[in-house]
PDB file of N, CA and C in Angstrom:
ATOM      1  N   MET A   1       0.226  29.454   0.952  1.00  0.00           N
ATOM      2  CA  MET A   1       0.608  28.121   0.502  1.00  0.00           C
ATOM      3  C   MET A   1       0.737  27.176   1.689  1.00  0.00           C
ATOM      4  N   LEU A   2       1.339  27.688   2.746  1.00  0.00           N
ATOM      5  CA  LEU A   2       1.511  26.875   3.940  1.00  0.00           C
ATOM      6  C   LEU A   2       0.157  26.511   4.543  1.00  0.00           C
ATOM      7  N   ARG A   3      -0.783  27.450   4.487  1.00  0.00           N
ATOM      8  CA  ARG A   3      -2.129  27.182   5.002  1.00  0.00           C
ATOM      9  C   ARG A   3      -2.788  26.024   4.241  1.00  0.00           C
ATOM     10  N   LEU A   4      -2.633  26.008   2.923  1.00  0.00           N
ATOM     11  CA  LEU A   4      -3.209  24.924   2.120  1.00  0.00           C
ATOM     12  C   LEU A   4      -2.619  23.571   2.496  1.00  0.00           C
ATOM     13  N   LEU A   5      -1.330  23.518   2.693  1.00  0.00           N
ATOM     14  CA  LEU A   5      -0.682  22.259   3.078  1.00  0.00           C
ATOM     15  C   LEU A   5      -1.159  21.786   4.449  1.00  0.00           C
ATOM     16  N   VAL A   6      -1.268  22.719   5.378  1.00  0.00           N
ATOM     17  CA  VAL A   6      -1.745  22.367   6.722  1.00  0.00           C
ATOM     18  C   VAL A   6      -3.191  21.882   6.650  1.00  0.00           C
ATOM     19  N   MET A   7      -4.026  22.567   5.883  1.00  0.00           N
ATOM     20  CA  MET A   7      -5.426  22.163   5.745  1.00  0.00           C
ATOM     21  C   MET A   7      -5.536  20.775   5.099  1.00  0.00           C
ATOM     22  N   ALA A   8      -4.750  20.537   4.071  1.00  0.00           N
ATOM     23  CA  ALA A   8      -4.774  19.230   3.407  1.00  0.00           C
ATOM     24  C   ALA A   8      -4.338  18.137   4.376  1.00  0.00           C
ATOM     25  N   GLY A   9      -3.330  18.419   5.170  1.00  0.00           N
ATOM     26  CA  GLY A   9      -2.871  17.454   6.173  1.00  0.00           C
ATOM     27  C   GLY A   9      -3.954  17.158   7.204  1.00  0.00           C
ATOM     28  N   LEU A  10      -4.636  18.205   7.656  1.00  0.00           N
ATOM     29  CA  LEU A  10      -5.712  18.022   8.631  1.00  0.00           C
ATOM     30  C   LEU A  10      -6.873  17.218   8.040  1.00  0.00           C
ATOM     31  N   VAL A  11      -7.218  17.504   6.811  1.00  0.00           N
ATOM     32  CA  VAL A  11      -8.284  16.747   6.148  1.00  0.00           C
ATOM     33  C   VAL A  11      -7.901  15.273   6.061  1.00  0.00           C
ATOM     34  N   CYS A  12      -6.656  15.004   5.727  1.00  0.00           N
ATOM     35  CA  CYS A  12      -6.196  13.609   5.640  1.00  0.00           C
ATOM     36  C   CYS A  12      -6.279  12.917   6.994  1.00  0.00           C
ATOM     37  N   ILE A  13      -5.855  13.608   8.041  1.00  0.00           N
ATOM     38  CA  ILE A  13      -5.878  13.022   9.384  1.00  0.00           C
ATOM     39  C   ILE A  13      -7.313  12.785   9.841  1.00  0.00           C
ATOM     40  N   VAL A  14      -8.198  13.747   9.612  1.00  0.00           N
ATOM     41  CA  VAL A  14      -9.603  13.592   9.994  1.00  0.00           C
ATOM     42  C   VAL A  14     -10.225  12.427   9.231  1.00  0.00           C
ATOM     43  N   CYS A  15      -9.925  12.336   7.957  1.00  0.00           N
ATOM     44  CA  CYS A  15     -10.445  11.224   7.156  1.00  0.00           C
ATOM     45  C   CYS A  15      -9.968   9.883   7.715  1.00  0.00           C
ATOM     46  N   PHE A  16      -8.696   9.821   8.090  1.00  0.00           N
ATOM     47  CA  PHE A  16      -8.156   8.581   8.646  1.00  0.00           C
ATOM     48  C   PHE A  16      -8.809   8.250   9.989  1.00  0.00           C
ATOM     49  N   MET A  17      -9.048   9.266  10.803  1.00  0.00           N
ATOM     50  CA  MET A  17      -9.670   9.034  12.108  1.00  0.00           C
ATOM     51  C   MET A  17     -11.122   8.583  11.968  1.00  0.00           C
ATOM     52  N   LEU A  18     -11.838   9.135  11.003  1.00  0.00           N
ATOM     53  CA  LEU A  18     -13.246   8.798  10.829  1.00  0.00           C
ATOM     54  C   LEU A  18     -13.454   7.447  10.144  1.00  0.00           C
ATOM     55  N   PHE A  19     -12.700   7.184   9.099  1.00  0.00           N
ATOM     56  CA  PHE A  19     -12.951   6.011   8.264  1.00  0.00           C
ATOM     57  C   PHE A  19     -11.909   4.904   8.387  1.00  0.00           C
ATOM     58  N   GLY A  20     -10.789   5.207   9.027  1.00  0.00           N
ATOM     59  CA  GLY A  20      -9.741   4.208   9.172  1.00  0.00           C
ATOM     60  C   GLY A  20      -8.919   4.015   7.913  1.00  0.00           C
ATOM     61  N   LYS A  21      -9.092   4.881   6.928  1.00  0.00           N
ATOM     62  CA  LYS A  21      -8.338   4.821   5.688  1.00  0.00           C
ATOM     63  C   LYS A  21      -7.903   6.225   5.306  1.00  0.00           C
ATOM     64  N   TRP A  22      -6.780   6.295   4.637  1.00  0.00           N
ATOM     65  CA  TRP A  22      -6.337   7.570   4.097  1.00  0.00           C
ATOM     66  C   TRP A  22      -7.193   7.900   2.872  1.00  0.00           C
ATOM     67  N   PRO A  23      -7.304   9.169   2.526  1.00  0.00           N
ATOM     68  CA  PRO A  23      -8.144   9.547   1.374  1.00  0.00           C
ATOM     69  C   PRO A  23      -7.735   8.848   0.083  1.00  0.00           C
ATOM     70  N   TRP A  24      -6.456   8.678  -0.161  1.00  0.00           N
ATOM     71  CA  TRP A  24      -6.017   8.031  -1.390  1.00  0.00           C
ATOM     72  C   TRP A  24      -6.338   6.544  -1.391  1.00  0.00           C
ATOM     73  N   GLN A  25      -6.451   5.924  -0.216  1.00  0.00           N
ATOM     74  CA  GLN A  25      -6.874   4.527  -0.153  1.00  0.00           C
ATOM     75  C   GLN A  25      -8.356   4.397  -0.477  1.00  0.00           C
ATOM     76  N   MET A  26      -9.135   5.367  -0.026  1.00  0.00           N
ATOM     77  CA  MET A  26     -10.570   5.336  -0.272  1.00  0.00           C
ATOM     78  C   MET A  26     -10.882   5.589  -1.741  1.00  0.00           C
ATOM     79  N   LEU A  27     -10.087   6.408  -2.398  1.00  0.00           N
ATOM     80  CA  LEU A  27     -10.332   6.760  -3.791  1.00  0.00           C
ATOM     81  C   LEU A  27      -9.593   5.853  -4.762  1.00  0.00           C
ATOM     82  N   GLY A  28      -8.691   5.026  -4.287  1.00  0.00           N
ATOM     83  CA  GLY A  28      -7.842   4.217  -5.154  1.00  0.00           C
ATOM     84  C   GLY A  28      -8.593   3.378  -6.157  1.00  0.00           C
ATOM     85  N   GLY A  29      -9.548   2.562  -5.750  1.00  0.00           N
ATOM     86  CA  GLY A  29     -10.289   1.708  -6.670  1.00  0.00           C
ATOM     87  C   GLY A  29     -11.254   2.495  -7.535  1.00  0.00           C
ATOM     88  N   GLN A  30     -11.811   3.582  -7.002  1.00  0.00           N
ATOM     89  CA  GLN A  30     -12.784   4.364  -7.744  1.00  0.00           C
ATOM     90  C   GLN A  30     -12.132   5.188  -8.838  1.00  0.00           C
ATOM     91  N   MET A  31     -10.940   5.691  -8.575  1.00  0.00           N
ATOM     92  CA  MET A  31     -10.281   6.542  -9.558  1.00  0.00           C
ATOM     93  C   MET A  31      -9.879   5.755 -10.797  1.00  0.00           C
ATOM     94  N   SER A  32      -9.551   4.484 -10.607  1.00  0.00           N
ATOM     95  CA  SER A  32      -9.113   3.694 -11.755  1.00  0.00           C
ATOM     96  C   SER A  32     -10.290   3.057 -12.484  1.00  0.00           C
ATOM     97  N   GLY A  33     -11.499   3.297 -12.032  1.00  0.00           N
ATOM     98  CA  GLY A  33     -12.673   2.752 -12.699  1.00  0.00           C
ATOM     99  C   GLY A  33     -12.797   1.254 -12.537  1.00  0.00           C
ATOM    100  N   GLY A  34     -12.291   0.716 -11.421  1.00  0.00           N
ATOM    101  CA  GLY A  34     -12.382  -0.721 -11.194  1.00  0.00           C
ATOM    102  C   GLY A  34     -11.290  -1.508 -11.888  1.00  0.00           C
ATOM    103  N   ARG A  35     -10.306  -0.837 -12.423  1.00  0.00           N
ATOM    104  CA  ARG A  35      -9.236  -1.534 -13.134  1.00  0.00           C
ATOM    105  C   ARG A  35      -8.440  -2.442 -12.220  1.00  0.00           C
ATOM    106  N   THR A  36      -8.316  -2.072 -10.947  1.00  0.00           N
ATOM    107  CA  THR A  36      -7.529  -2.888 -10.033  1.00  0.00           C
ATOM    108  C   THR A  36      -8.163  -4.255  -9.849  1.00  0.00           C
ATOM    109  N   GLU A  37      -9.485  -4.314  -9.741  1.00  0.00           N
ATOM    110  CA  GLU A  37     -10.162  -5.601  -9.596  1.00  0.00           C
ATOM    111  C   GLU A  37     -10.032  -6.420 -10.871  1.00  0.00           C
ATOM    112  N   ARG A  38     -10.203  -5.761 -12.009  1.00  0.00           N
ATOM    113  CA  ARG A  38     -10.099  -6.475 -13.282  1.00  0.00           C
ATOM    114  C   ARG A  38      -8.691  -6.987 -13.522  1.00  0.00           C
ATOM    115  N   SER A  39      -7.693  -6.178 -13.199  1.00  0.00           N
ATOM    116  CA  SER A  39      -6.326  -6.612 -13.432  1.00  0.00           C
ATOM    117  C   SER A  39      -5.943  -7.735 -12.480  1.00  0.00           C
ATOM    118  N   THR A  40      -6.471  -7.715 -11.257  1.00  0.00           N
ATOM    119  CA  THR A  40      -6.203  -8.795 -10.321  1.00  0.00           C
ATOM    120  C   THR A  40      -6.837 -10.093 -10.808  1.00  0.00           C
ATOM    121  N   ALA A  41      -8.066 -10.014 -11.273  1.00  0.00           N
ATOM    122  CA  ALA A  41      -8.736 -11.206 -11.795  1.00  0.00           C
ATOM    123  C   ALA A  41      -8.017 -11.728 -13.027  1.00  0.00           C
ATOM    124  N   ARG A  42      -7.588 -10.823 -13.892  1.00  0.00           N
ATOM    125  CA  ARG A  42      -6.860 -11.220 -15.095  1.00  0.00           C
ATOM    126  C   ARG A  42      -5.540 -11.894 -14.730  1.00  0.00           C
ATOM    127  N   ARG A  43      -4.868 -11.352 -13.711  1.00  0.00           N
ATOM    128  CA  ARG A  43      -3.603 -11.929 -13.253  1.00  0.00           C
ATOM    129  C   ARG A  43      -3.831 -13.326 -12.673  1.00  0.00           C
ATOM    130  N   GLU A  44      -4.916 -13.501 -11.910  1.00  0.00           N
ATOM    131  CA  GLU A  44      -5.225 -14.816 -11.341  1.00  0.00           C
ATOM    132  C   GLU A  44      -5.499 -15.832 -12.440  1.00  0.00           C
ATOM    133  N   LEU A  45      -6.226 -15.416 -13.487  1.00  0.00           N
ATOM    134  CA  LEU A  45      -6.492 -16.318 -14.610  1.00  0.00           C
ATOM    135  C   LEU A  45      -5.204 -16.683 -15.335  1.00  0.00           C
ATOM    136  N   THR A  46      -4.325 -15.726 -15.515  1.00  0.00           N
ATOM    137  CA  THR A  46      -3.045 -15.988 -16.169  1.00  0.00           C
ATOM    138  C   THR A  46      -2.221 -16.971 -15.347  1.00  0.00           C
ATOM    139  N   ASP A  47      -2.197 -16.777 -14.035  1.00  0.00           N
ATOM    140  CA  ASP A  47      -1.467 -17.699 -13.164  1.00  0.00           C
ATOM    141  C   ASP A  47      -2.076 -19.095 -13.208  1.00  0.00           C
ATOM    142  N   ALA A  48      -3.402 -19.172 -13.247  1.00  0.00           N
ATOM    143  CA  ALA A  48      -4.075 -20.471 -13.311  1.00  0.00           C
ATOM    144  C   ALA A  48      -3.733 -21.186 -14.618  1.00  0.00           C
ATOM    145  N   ARG A  49      -3.705 -20.443 -15.714  1.00  0.00           N
ATOM    146  CA  ARG A  49      -3.329 -21.050 -16.999  1.00  0.00           C
ATOM    147  C   ARG A  49      -1.889 -21.535 -16.976  1.00  0.00           C
ATOM    148  N   ARG A  50      -1.030 -20.756 -16.321  1.00  0.00           N
ATOM    149  CA  ARG A  50       0.380 -21.138 -16.226  1.00  0.00           C
ATOM    150  C   ARG A  50       0.539 -22.421 -15.400  1.00  0.00           C
ATOM    151  N   VAL A  51      -0.189 -22.527 -14.303  1.00  0.00           N
ATOM    152  CA  VAL A  51      -0.105 -23.709 -13.439  1.00  0.00           C
ATOM    153  C   VAL A  51      -0.488 -24.967 -14.214  1.00  0.00           C
ATOM    154  N   LEU A  52      -1.567 -24.868 -14.997  1.00  0.00           N
ATOM    155  CA  LEU A  52      -2.034 -26.037 -15.734  1.00  0.00           C
ATOM    156  C   LEU A  52      -1.389 -26.171 -17.109  1.00  0.00           C
ATOM    157  N   GLY A  53      -0.779 -25.120 -17.580  1.00  0.00           N
ATOM    158  CA  GLY A  53      -0.131 -25.170 -18.884  1.00  0.00           C
ATOM    159  C   GLY A  53      -1.109 -25.168 -20.051  1.00  0.00           C
ATOM    160  N   VAL A  54      -2.158 -24.369 -19.939  1.00  0.00           N
ATOM    161  CA  VAL A  54      -3.140 -24.276 -21.026  1.00  0.00           C
ATOM    162  C   VAL A  54      -3.100 -22.877 -21.626  1.00  0.00           C
ATOM    163  N   ARG A  55      -3.588 -22.771 -22.857  1.00  0.00           N
ATOM    164  CA  ARG A  55      -3.618 -21.480 -23.543  1.00  0.00           C
ATOM    165  C   ARG A  55      -4.843 -20.696 -23.102  1.00  0.00           C
ATOM    166  N   LYS A  56      -4.948 -19.470 -23.573  1.00  0.00           N
ATOM    167  CA  LYS A  56      -6.021 -18.577 -23.148  1.00  0.00           C
ATOM    168  C   LYS A  56      -7.408 -19.073 -23.544  1.00  0.00           C
ATOM    169  N   GLY A  57      -7.577 -19.586 -24.737  1.00  0.00           N
ATOM    170  CA  GLY A  57      -8.905 -19.999 -25.193  1.00  0.00           C
ATOM    171  C   GLY A  57      -9.192 -21.474 -24.971  1.00  0.00           C
ATOM    172  N   ALA A  58      -8.614 -22.071 -23.954  1.00  0.00           N
ATOM    173  CA  ALA A  58      -8.768 -23.504 -23.720  1.00  0.00           C
ATOM    174  C   ALA A  58     -10.220 -23.871 -23.405  1.00  0.00           C
ATOM    175  N   LYS A  59     -10.652 -24.994 -23.940  1.00  0.00           N
ATOM    176  CA  LYS A  59     -12.001 -25.527 -23.710  1.00  0.00           C
ATOM    177  C   LYS A  59     -12.013 -26.309 -22.396  1.00  0.00           C
ATOM    178  N   PRO A  60     -13.215 -26.595 -21.859  1.00  0.00           N
ATOM    179  CA  PRO A  60     -13.306 -27.328 -20.593  1.00  0.00           C
ATOM    180  C   PRO A  60     -12.613 -28.688 -20.616  1.00  0.00           C
ATOM    181  N   ASP A  61     -12.718 -29.414 -21.728  1.00  0.00           N
ATOM    182  CA  ASP A  61     -12.069 -30.725 -21.777  1.00  0.00           C
ATOM    183  C   ASP A  61     -10.542 -30.595 -21.803  1.00  0.00           C
ATOM    184  N   GLU A  62     -10.019 -29.529 -22.405  1.00  0.00           N
ATOM    185  CA  GLU A  62      -8.577 -29.289 -22.393  1.00  0.00           C
ATOM    186  C   GLU A  62      -8.096 -28.955 -20.984  1.00  0.00           C
ATOM    187  N   ILE A  63      -8.898 -28.175 -20.271  1.00  0.00           N
ATOM    188  CA  ILE A  63      -8.545 -27.811 -18.897  1.00  0.00           C
ATOM    189  C   ILE A  63      -8.552 -29.052 -18.014  1.00  0.00           C
ATOM    190  N   ALA A  64      -9.564 -29.898 -18.164  1.00  0.00           N
ATOM    191  CA  ALA A  64      -9.654 -31.122 -17.362  1.00  0.00           C
ATOM    192  C   ALA A  64      -8.475 -32.051 -17.661  1.00  0.00           C
ATOM    193  N   LEU A  65      -8.119 -32.183 -18.928  1.00  0.00           N
ATOM    194  CA  LEU A  65      -6.997 -33.043 -19.304  1.00  0.00           C
ATOM    195  C   LEU A  65      -5.680 -32.499 -18.744  1.00  0.00           C
ATOM    196  N   ALA A  66      -5.476 -31.189 -18.854  1.00  0.00           N
ATOM    197  CA  ALA A  66      -4.266 -30.575 -18.309  1.00  0.00           C
ATOM    198  C   ALA A  66      -4.210 -30.745 -16.793  1.00  0.00           C
ATOM    199  N   HIS A  67      -5.365 -30.654 -16.138  1.00  0.00           N
ATOM    200  CA  HIS A  67      -5.427 -30.845 -14.689  1.00  0.00           C
ATOM    201  C   HIS A  67      -5.029 -32.271 -14.321  1.00  0.00           C
ATOM    202  N   ARG A  68      -5.561 -33.244 -15.046  1.00  0.00           N
ATOM    203  CA  ARG A  68      -5.207 -34.645 -14.781  1.00  0.00           C
ATOM    204  C   ARG A  68      -3.713 -34.889 -14.979  1.00  0.00           C
ATOM    205  N   ARG A  69      -3.174 -34.337 -16.054  1.00  0.00           N
ATOM    206  CA  ARG A  69      -1.740 -34.496 -16.319  1.00  0.00           C
ATOM    207  C   ARG A  69      -0.905 -33.866 -15.208  1.00  0.00           C
ATOM    208  N   ARG A  70      -1.307 -32.682 -14.791  1.00  0.00           N
ATOM    209  CA  ARG A  70      -0.566 -31.984 -13.731  1.00  0.00           C
ATOM    210  C   ARG A  70      -0.636 -32.770 -12.437  1.00  0.00           C
ATOM    211  N   LEU A  71      -1.801 -33.325 -12.105  1.00  0.00           N
ATOM    212  CA  LEU A  71      -1.935 -34.105 -10.880  1.00  0.00           C
ATOM    213  C   LEU A  71      -1.092 -35.376 -10.922  1.00  0.00           C
ATOM    214  N   SER A  72      -0.960 -35.976 -12.095  1.00  0.00           N
ATOM    215  CA  SER A  72      -0.148 -37.186 -12.182  1.00  0.00           C
ATOM    216  C   SER A  72       1.328 -36.908 -11.884  1.00  0.00           C
ATOM    217  N   VAL A  73       1.740 -35.668 -12.083  1.00  0.00           N
ATOM    218  CA  VAL A  73       3.131 -35.293 -11.814  1.00  0.00           C
ATOM    219  C   VAL A  73       3.323 -34.853 -10.364  1.00  0.00           C
ATOM    220  N   ILE A  74       2.370 -34.108  -9.809  1.00  0.00           N
ATOM    221  CA  ILE A  74       2.554 -33.485  -8.490  1.00  0.00           C
ATOM    222  C   ILE A  74       1.848 -34.213  -7.357  1.00  0.00           C
ATOM    223  N   HIS A  75       1.278 -35.362  -7.619  1.00  0.00           N
ATOM    224  CA  HIS A  75       0.546 -36.085  -6.580  1.00  0.00           C
ATOM    225  C   HIS A  75       1.487 -36.425  -5.427  1.00  0.00           C
ATOM    226  N   PRO A  76       1.011 -36.334  -4.178  1.00  0.00           N
ATOM    227  CA  PRO A  76       1.868 -36.643  -3.020  1.00  0.00           C
ATOM    228  C   PRO A  76       2.454 -38.058  -3.052  1.00  0.00           C
ATOM    229  N   ASP A  77       1.764 -39.007  -3.650  1.00  0.00           N
ATOM    230  CA  ASP A  77       2.310 -40.363  -3.741  1.00  0.00           C
ATOM    231  C   ASP A  77       3.514 -40.439  -4.675  1.00  0.00           C
ATOM    232  N   ARG A  78       3.668 -39.422  -5.525  1.00  0.00           N
ATOM    233  CA  ARG A  78       4.790 -39.394  -6.468  1.00  0.00           C
ATOM    234  C   ARG A  78       5.814 -38.327  -6.102  1.00  0.00           C
ATOM    235  N   GLY A  79       5.788 -37.887  -4.872  1.00  0.00           N
ATOM    236  CA  GLY A  79       6.786 -36.930  -4.410  1.00  0.00           C
ATOM    237  C   GLY A  79       6.339 -35.484  -4.417  1.00  0.00           C
ATOM    238  N   GLY A  80       5.107 -35.231  -4.830  1.00  0.00           N
ATOM    239  CA  GLY A  80       4.585 -33.861  -4.817  1.00  0.00           C
ATOM    240  C   GLY A  80       4.085 -33.492  -3.433  1.00  0.00           C
ATOM    241  N   SER A  81       3.437 -32.359  -3.342  1.00  0.00           N
ATOM    242  CA  SER A  81       2.924 -31.911  -2.044  1.00  0.00           C
ATOM    243  C   SER A  81       1.431 -31.615  -2.136  1.00  0.00           C
ATOM    244  N   ASP A  82       0.810 -31.577  -0.967  1.00  0.00           N
ATOM    245  CA  ASP A  82      -0.613 -31.228  -0.909  1.00  0.00           C
ATOM    246  C   ASP A  82      -0.851 -29.809  -1.415  1.00  0.00           C
ATOM    247  N   ALA A  83       0.084 -28.917  -1.124  1.00  0.00           N
ATOM    248  CA  ALA A  83      -0.072 -27.524  -1.555  1.00  0.00           C
ATOM    249  C   ALA A  83      -0.129 -27.425  -3.082  1.00  0.00           C
ATOM    250  N   GLU A  84       0.695 -28.203  -3.765  1.00  0.00           N
ATOM    251  CA  GLU A  84       0.684 -28.184  -5.228  1.00  0.00           C
ATOM    252  C   GLU A  84      -0.627 -28.727  -5.783  1.00  0.00           C
ATOM    253  N   VAL A  85      -1.147 -29.761  -5.131  1.00  0.00           N
ATOM    254  CA  VAL A  85      -2.428 -30.326  -5.555  1.00  0.00           C
ATOM    255  C   VAL A  85      -3.547 -29.304  -5.362  1.00  0.00           C
ATOM    256  N   HIS A  86      -3.532 -28.629  -4.218  1.00  0.00           N
ATOM    257  CA  HIS A  86      -4.553 -27.606  -3.958  1.00  0.00           C
ATOM    258  C   HIS A  86      -4.445 -26.466  -4.967  1.00  0.00           C
ATOM    259  N   GLU A  87      -3.221 -26.092  -5.324  1.00  0.00           N
ATOM    260  CA  GLU A  87      -3.031 -25.029  -6.303  1.00  0.00           C
ATOM    261  C   GLU A  87      -3.578 -25.449  -7.673  1.00  0.00           C
ATOM    262  N   ALA A  88      -3.320 -26.694  -8.063  1.00  0.00           N
ATOM    263  CA  ALA A  88      -3.831 -27.189  -9.353  1.00  0.00           C
ATOM    264  C   ALA A  88      -5.357 -27.265  -9.340  1.00  0.00           C
ATOM    265  N   ASN A  89      -5.928 -27.718  -8.238  1.00  0.00           N
ATOM    266  CA  ASN A  89      -7.386 -27.790  -8.133  1.00  0.00           C
ATOM    267  C   ASN A  89      -8.012 -26.394  -8.198  1.00  0.00           C
ATOM    268  N   ALA A  90      -7.397 -25.440  -7.496  1.00  0.00           N
ATOM    269  CA  ALA A  90      -7.909 -24.072  -7.515  1.00  0.00           C
ATOM    270  C   ALA A  90      -7.804 -23.479  -8.917  1.00  0.00           C
ATOM    271  N   ALA A  91      -6.720 -23.767  -9.619  1.00  0.00           N
ATOM    272  CA  ALA A  91      -6.542 -23.263 -10.983  1.00  0.00           C
ATOM    273  C   ALA A  91      -7.619 -23.832 -11.895  1.00  0.00           C
ATOM    274  N   ARG A  92      -7.867 -25.139 -11.794  1.00  0.00           N
ATOM    275  CA  ARG A  92      -8.910 -25.765 -12.613  1.00  0.00           C
ATOM    276  C   ARG A  92     -10.275 -25.150 -12.326  1.00  0.00           C
ATOM    277  N   ASP A  93     -10.597 -25.010 -11.041  1.00  0.00           N
ATOM    278  CA  ASP A  93     -11.893 -24.455 -10.659  1.00  0.00           C
ATOM    279  C   ASP A  93     -12.059 -23.017 -11.160  1.00  0.00           C
ATOM    280  N   LEU A  94     -11.000 -22.213 -11.038  1.00  0.00           N
ATOM    281  CA  LEU A  94     -11.068 -20.824 -11.479  1.00  0.00           C
ATOM    282  C   LEU A  94     -11.267 -20.735 -12.986  1.00  0.00           C
ATOM    283  N   LEU A  95     -10.547 -21.535 -13.749  1.00  0.00           N
ATOM    284  CA  LEU A  95     -10.672 -21.490 -15.205  1.00  0.00           C
ATOM    285  C   LEU A  95     -12.044 -21.977 -15.673  1.00  0.00           C
ATOM    286  N   LEU A  96     -12.535 -23.045 -15.071  1.00  0.00           N
ATOM    287  CA  LEU A  96     -13.858 -23.545 -15.456  1.00  0.00           C
ATOM    288  C   LEU A  96     -14.958 -22.556 -15.071  1.00  0.00           C
ATOM    289  N   GLU A  97     -14.811 -21.936 -13.919  1.00  0.00           N
ATOM    290  CA  GLU A  97     -15.789 -20.923 -13.480  1.00  0.00           C
ATOM    291  C   GLU A  97     -15.776 -19.731 -14.430  1.00  0.00           C
ATOM    292  N   ASP A  98     -14.597 -19.328 -14.869  1.00  0.00           N
ATOM    293  CA  ASP A  98     -14.499 -18.208 -15.806  1.00  0.00           C
ATOM    294  C   ASP A  98     -15.155 -18.556 -17.136  1.00  0.00           C
ATOM    295  N   LEU A  99     -14.981 -19.793 -17.607  1.00  0.00           N
ATOM    296  CA  LEU A  99     -15.628 -20.215 -18.853  1.00  0.00           C
ATOM    297  C   LEU A  99     -17.150 -20.179 -18.729  1.00  0.00           C
ATOM    298  N   GLN A 100     -17.663 -20.654 -17.601  1.00  0.00           N
ATOM    299  CA  GLN A 100     -19.116 -20.633 -17.381  1.00  0.00           C
ATOM    300  C   GLN A 100     -19.645 -19.212 -17.311  1.00  0.00           C
ATOM    301  N   LYS A 101     -18.899 -18.343 -16.641  1.00  0.00           N
ATOM    302  CA  LYS A 101     -19.302 -16.938 -16.527  1.00  0.00           C
ATOM    303  C   LYS A 101     -19.322 -16.276 -17.897  1.00  0.00           C
ATOM    304  N   ASN A 102     -18.312 -16.541 -18.700  1.00  0.00           N
ATOM    305  CA  ASN A 102     -18.274 -15.955 -20.055  1.00  0.00           C
ATOM    306  C   ASN A 102     -19.387 -16.501 -20.933  1.00  0.00           C
ATOM    307  N   ALA A 103     -19.729 -17.774 -20.764  1.00  0.00           N
ATOM    308  CA  ALA A 103     -20.817 -18.358 -21.547  1.00  0.00           C
ATOM    309  C   ALA A 103     -22.150 -17.717 -21.176  1.00  0.00           C
ATOM    310  N   LYS A 104     -22.363 -17.437 -19.883  1.00  0.00           N
ATOM    311  CA  LYS A 104     -23.599 -16.792 -19.461  1.00  0.00           C
ATOM    312  C   LYS A 104     -23.664 -15.351 -19.955  1.00  0.00           C
ATOM    313  N   ASP A 105     -22.518 -14.680 -19.988  1.00  0.00           N
ATOM    314  CA  ASP A 105     -22.480 -13.288 -20.458  1.00  0.00           C
ATOM    315  C   ASP A 105     -22.838 -13.209 -21.937  1.00  0.00           C
ATOM    316  N   ARG A 106     -22.470 -14.215 -22.705  1.00  0.00           N
ATOM    317  CA  ARG A 106     -22.745 -14.229 -24.141  1.00  0.00           C
ATOM    318  C   ARG A 106     -24.198 -14.538 -24.453  1.00  0.00           C
ATOM    319  N   SER A 107     -24.841 -15.257 -23.535  1.00  0.00           N
ATOM    320  CA  SER A 107     -26.238 -15.661 -23.764  1.00  0.00           C
ATOM    321  C   SER A 107     -27.209 -14.520 -23.612  1.00  0.00           C
TER     322      SER A 107
END
């Protein structure tokens, strides 16, 4: 039993020395079948919807209107910050890009 533990430890160290990653880091995304990337993208979309205050099935014109409304509140001339404006712009761009991607997938 001790031999197995020592061998496993050596394999881990050799893997780290050769590839710069531990074996579980190398297998992490592959073992989940890409779920980590999908869940991260899904989380980003959810955050973008929250920033703009739109629902999941929002149309492009709804997203644009929500973006305009959000900018009218957070604009630097009205006491907002540049960071908030950049966040709103990124949210709008991400949601519109996702809509275009889904439309192409359906075609």
